[in-house]
Amino acid sequence: MAKAIAFENSLETLEECVRRLEQEDLPIDDAFQLFETGVKSAQRCQKSLQNIETKVEKLMNDHRNQLTTEPLKFTD
């Protein structure tokens, strides 16, 4: 469960950075720091999702009850 919490925290941080970057009166130094934090948070989210995708692929069973891998399909 710790990874889910880490993902949620990273996503919240990313959303907060985006919200603050959309403000018009943000000094450039603050904007750059927020941008850097947002990029790092996005990378952590992406890594977490890739790890989850790998685990799901490993757990897919075929019709003979043997483990197989299949691409994980996300729908919008």
N, C-alpha and C. Protein backbone atom coordinates (compact mmCIF):
# COMPACT_ATOMS: atom_id res chain seq x y z
N MET A 1 0.82 -1.20 0.00
CA MET A 1 0.00 0.00 0.00
C MET A 1 0.86 1.26 0.00
N ALA A 2 2.10 1.16 0.44
CA ALA A 2 2.97 2.32 0.49
C ALA A 2 3.20 2.91 -0.90
N LYS A 3 3.30 2.04 -1.93
CA LYS A 3 3.51 2.55 -3.29
C LYS A 3 2.30 3.35 -3.77
N ALA A 4 1.10 2.90 -3.42
CA ALA A 4 -0.10 3.63 -3.81
C ALA A 4 -0.11 4.99 -3.15
N ILE A 5 0.27 5.03 -1.90
CA ILE A 5 0.33 6.32 -1.18
C ILE A 5 1.38 7.22 -1.82
N ALA A 6 2.54 6.64 -2.17
CA ALA A 6 3.59 7.43 -2.81
C ALA A 6 3.11 7.98 -4.16
N PHE A 7 2.37 7.16 -4.92
CA PHE A 7 1.83 7.61 -6.19
C PHE A 7 0.86 8.76 -5.97
N GLU A 8 -0.06 8.57 -5.02
CA GLU A 8 -1.05 9.61 -4.74
C GLU A 8 -0.38 10.91 -4.30
N ASN A 9 0.63 10.80 -3.45
CA ASN A 9 1.34 12.00 -3.00
C ASN A 9 2.05 12.70 -4.16
N SER A 10 2.68 11.92 -5.03
CA SER A 10 3.36 12.50 -6.19
C SER A 10 2.36 13.18 -7.12
N LEU A 11 1.22 12.54 -7.31
CA LEU A 11 0.19 13.12 -8.17
C LEU A 11 -0.36 14.42 -7.58
N GLU A 12 -0.58 14.44 -6.28
CA GLU A 12 -1.06 15.66 -5.62
C GLU A 12 -0.03 16.78 -5.74
N THR A 13 1.24 16.43 -5.56
CA THR A 13 2.31 17.42 -5.69
C THR A 13 2.34 17.98 -7.11
N LEU A 14 2.22 17.11 -8.10
CA LEU A 14 2.21 17.54 -9.50
C LEU A 14 1.03 18.47 -9.77
N GLU A 15 -0.14 18.11 -9.29
CA GLU A 15 -1.32 18.94 -9.50
C GLU A 15 -1.17 20.31 -8.82
N GLU A 16 -0.59 20.32 -7.66
CA GLU A 16 -0.37 21.59 -6.95
C GLU A 16 0.63 22.46 -7.71
N CYS A 17 1.68 21.86 -8.24
CA CYS A 17 2.66 22.62 -9.03
C CYS A 17 1.99 23.24 -10.25
N VAL A 18 1.18 22.47 -10.95
CA VAL A 18 0.48 22.98 -12.13
C VAL A 18 -0.44 24.12 -11.74
N ARG A 19 -1.20 23.95 -10.66
CA ARG A 19 -2.12 24.99 -10.21
C ARG A 19 -1.36 26.29 -9.93
N ARG A 20 -0.25 26.17 -9.23
CA ARG A 20 0.51 27.37 -8.88
C ARG A 20 1.22 27.98 -10.08
N LEU A 21 1.66 27.13 -11.02
CA LEU A 21 2.31 27.65 -12.23
C LEU A 21 1.33 28.42 -13.11
N GLU A 22 0.05 28.14 -13.00
CA GLU A 22 -0.96 28.83 -13.79
C GLU A 22 -1.27 30.23 -13.26
N GLN A 23 -0.74 30.58 -12.10
CA GLN A 23 -0.95 31.92 -11.55
C GLN A 23 -0.13 32.92 -12.36
N GLU A 24 -0.69 34.06 -12.58
CA GLU A 24 -0.04 35.07 -13.41
C GLU A 24 1.07 35.83 -12.69
N ASP A 25 0.99 35.96 -11.40
CA ASP A 25 1.92 36.81 -10.66
C ASP A 25 3.06 36.03 -10.00
N LEU A 26 3.46 34.93 -10.56
CA LEU A 26 4.48 34.08 -9.97
C LEU A 26 5.87 34.54 -10.43
N PRO A 27 6.76 34.82 -9.48
CA PRO A 27 8.14 35.20 -9.86
C PRO A 27 8.82 34.05 -10.62
N ILE A 28 9.70 34.41 -11.53
CA ILE A 28 10.33 33.43 -12.40
C ILE A 28 11.12 32.37 -11.61
N ASP A 29 11.80 32.77 -10.54
CA ASP A 29 12.55 31.79 -9.73
C ASP A 29 11.62 30.76 -9.09
N ASP A 30 10.48 31.24 -8.59
CA ASP A 30 9.49 30.33 -8.01
C ASP A 30 8.91 29.42 -9.08
N ALA A 31 8.65 29.99 -10.25
CA ALA A 31 8.09 29.19 -11.34
C ALA A 31 9.05 28.09 -11.75
N PHE A 32 10.34 28.39 -11.82
CA PHE A 32 11.31 27.38 -12.21
C PHE A 32 11.39 26.28 -11.15
N GLN A 33 11.37 26.65 -9.89
CA GLN A 33 11.42 25.66 -8.82
C GLN A 33 10.17 24.76 -8.86
N LEU A 34 9.02 25.35 -9.08
CA LEU A 34 7.79 24.57 -9.20
C LEU A 34 7.83 23.64 -10.41
N PHE A 35 8.36 24.15 -11.52
CA PHE A 35 8.48 23.34 -12.72
C PHE A 35 9.37 22.13 -12.45
N GLU A 36 10.49 22.35 -11.81
CA GLU A 36 11.42 21.26 -11.49
C GLU A 36 10.76 20.23 -10.57
N THR A 37 10.07 20.69 -9.56
CA THR A 37 9.35 19.79 -8.65
C THR A 37 8.28 19.01 -9.39
N GLY A 38 7.56 19.68 -10.29
CA GLY A 38 6.52 19.03 -11.07
C GLY A 38 7.08 17.95 -11.98
N VAL A 39 8.20 18.21 -12.61
CA VAL A 39 8.82 17.22 -13.50
C VAL A 39 9.24 15.99 -12.69
N LYS A 40 9.83 16.20 -11.54
CA LYS A 40 10.24 15.07 -10.69
C LYS A 40 9.03 14.27 -10.22
N SER A 41 7.96 14.95 -9.87
CA SER A 41 6.74 14.26 -9.45
C SER A 41 6.14 13.46 -10.60
N ALA A 42 6.14 14.04 -11.79
CA ALA A 42 5.62 13.34 -12.96
C ALA A 42 6.45 12.09 -13.25
N GLN A 43 7.75 12.18 -13.09
CA GLN A 43 8.62 11.02 -13.31
C GLN A 43 8.33 9.92 -12.29
N ARG A 44 8.10 10.30 -11.03
CA ARG A 44 7.76 9.30 -10.01
C ARG A 44 6.42 8.63 -10.33
N CYS A 45 5.45 9.42 -10.77
CA CYS A 45 4.15 8.85 -11.15
C CYS A 45 4.32 7.87 -12.31
N GLN A 46 5.08 8.26 -13.31
CA GLN A 46 5.28 7.41 -14.48
C GLN A 46 5.97 6.10 -14.08
N LYS A 47 6.98 6.19 -13.22
CA LYS A 47 7.69 4.99 -12.78
C LYS A 47 6.74 4.07 -11.99
N SER A 48 5.92 4.64 -11.14
CA SER A 48 4.95 3.83 -10.38
C SER A 48 3.98 3.12 -11.30
N LEU A 49 3.48 3.83 -12.31
CA LEU A 49 2.54 3.22 -13.26
C LEU A 49 3.21 2.12 -14.08
N GLN A 50 4.46 2.32 -14.44
CA GLN A 50 5.18 1.28 -15.18
C GLN A 50 5.37 0.03 -14.32
N ASN A 51 5.68 0.23 -13.04
CA ASN A 51 5.82 -0.91 -12.13
C ASN A 51 4.50 -1.67 -11.98
N ILE A 52 3.41 -0.95 -11.88
CA ILE A 52 2.09 -1.58 -11.77
C ILE A 52 1.77 -2.34 -13.05
N GLU A 53 2.05 -1.73 -14.19
CA GLU A 53 1.80 -2.39 -15.47
C GLU A 53 2.57 -3.71 -15.56
N THR A 54 3.81 -3.70 -15.14
CA THR A 54 4.63 -4.92 -15.17
C THR A 54 4.03 -5.99 -14.27
N LYS A 55 3.58 -5.62 -13.09
CA LYS A 55 2.98 -6.59 -12.18
C LYS A 55 1.69 -7.17 -12.75
N VAL A 56 0.87 -6.33 -13.37
CA VAL A 56 -0.38 -6.81 -13.96
C VAL A 56 -0.08 -7.79 -15.09
N GLU A 57 0.89 -7.46 -15.92
CA GLU A 57 1.25 -8.34 -17.01
C GLU A 57 1.70 -9.70 -16.49
N LYS A 58 2.43 -9.72 -15.41
CA LYS A 58 2.93 -10.96 -14.85
C LYS A 58 1.81 -11.81 -14.26
N LEU A 59 0.73 -11.20 -13.87
CA LEU A 59 -0.36 -11.92 -13.22
C LEU A 59 -1.45 -12.41 -14.18
N MET A 60 -1.32 -12.08 -15.44
CA MET A 60 -2.33 -12.50 -16.41
C MET A 60 -2.23 -14.01 -16.62
N ASN A 61 -3.35 -14.70 -16.57
CA ASN A 61 -3.39 -16.14 -16.80
C ASN A 61 -3.96 -16.44 -18.17
N ASP A 62 -3.44 -17.50 -18.78
CA ASP A 62 -4.03 -17.94 -20.04
C ASP A 62 -5.08 -19.01 -19.76
N HIS A 63 -5.66 -19.56 -20.80
CA HIS A 63 -6.74 -20.53 -20.64
C HIS A 63 -6.29 -21.84 -19.99
N ARG A 64 -4.99 -22.13 -19.93
CA ARG A 64 -4.49 -23.34 -19.27
C ARG A 64 -4.03 -23.06 -17.85
N ASN A 65 -4.39 -21.89 -17.36
CA ASN A 65 -4.03 -21.46 -16.01
C ASN A 65 -2.52 -21.30 -15.83
N GLN A 66 -1.84 -20.99 -16.90
CA GLN A 66 -0.42 -20.71 -16.83
C GLN A 66 -0.23 -19.20 -16.96
N LEU A 67 0.74 -18.71 -16.26
CA LEU A 67 0.99 -17.28 -16.31
C LEU A 67 1.52 -16.88 -17.69
N THR A 68 0.95 -15.84 -18.21
CA THR A 68 1.41 -15.28 -19.48
C THR A 68 1.47 -13.77 -19.32
N THR A 69 2.02 -13.12 -20.30
CA THR A 69 2.01 -11.67 -20.28
C THR A 69 1.19 -11.15 -21.44
N GLU A 70 0.48 -10.10 -21.17
CA GLU A 70 -0.29 -9.41 -22.18
C GLU A 70 -0.14 -7.93 -21.91
N PRO A 71 -0.13 -7.14 -22.96
CA PRO A 71 -0.04 -5.69 -22.75
C PRO A 71 -1.24 -5.20 -21.95
N LEU A 72 -0.98 -4.32 -21.01
CA LEU A 72 -2.06 -3.71 -20.24
C LEU A 72 -2.65 -2.59 -21.08
N LYS A 73 -3.95 -2.61 -21.28
CA LYS A 73 -4.61 -1.62 -22.13
C LYS A 73 -5.36 -0.64 -21.27
N PHE A 74 -5.01 0.63 -21.41
CA PHE A 74 -5.71 1.69 -20.71
C PHE A 74 -6.71 2.31 -21.66
N THR A 75 -7.88 2.59 -21.15
CA THR A 75 -8.89 3.27 -21.97
C THR A 75 -9.12 4.64 -21.40
N ASP A 76 -9.48 5.55 -22.27
CA ASP A 76 -9.74 6.93 -21.83
C ASP A 76 -11.14 7.08 -21.34
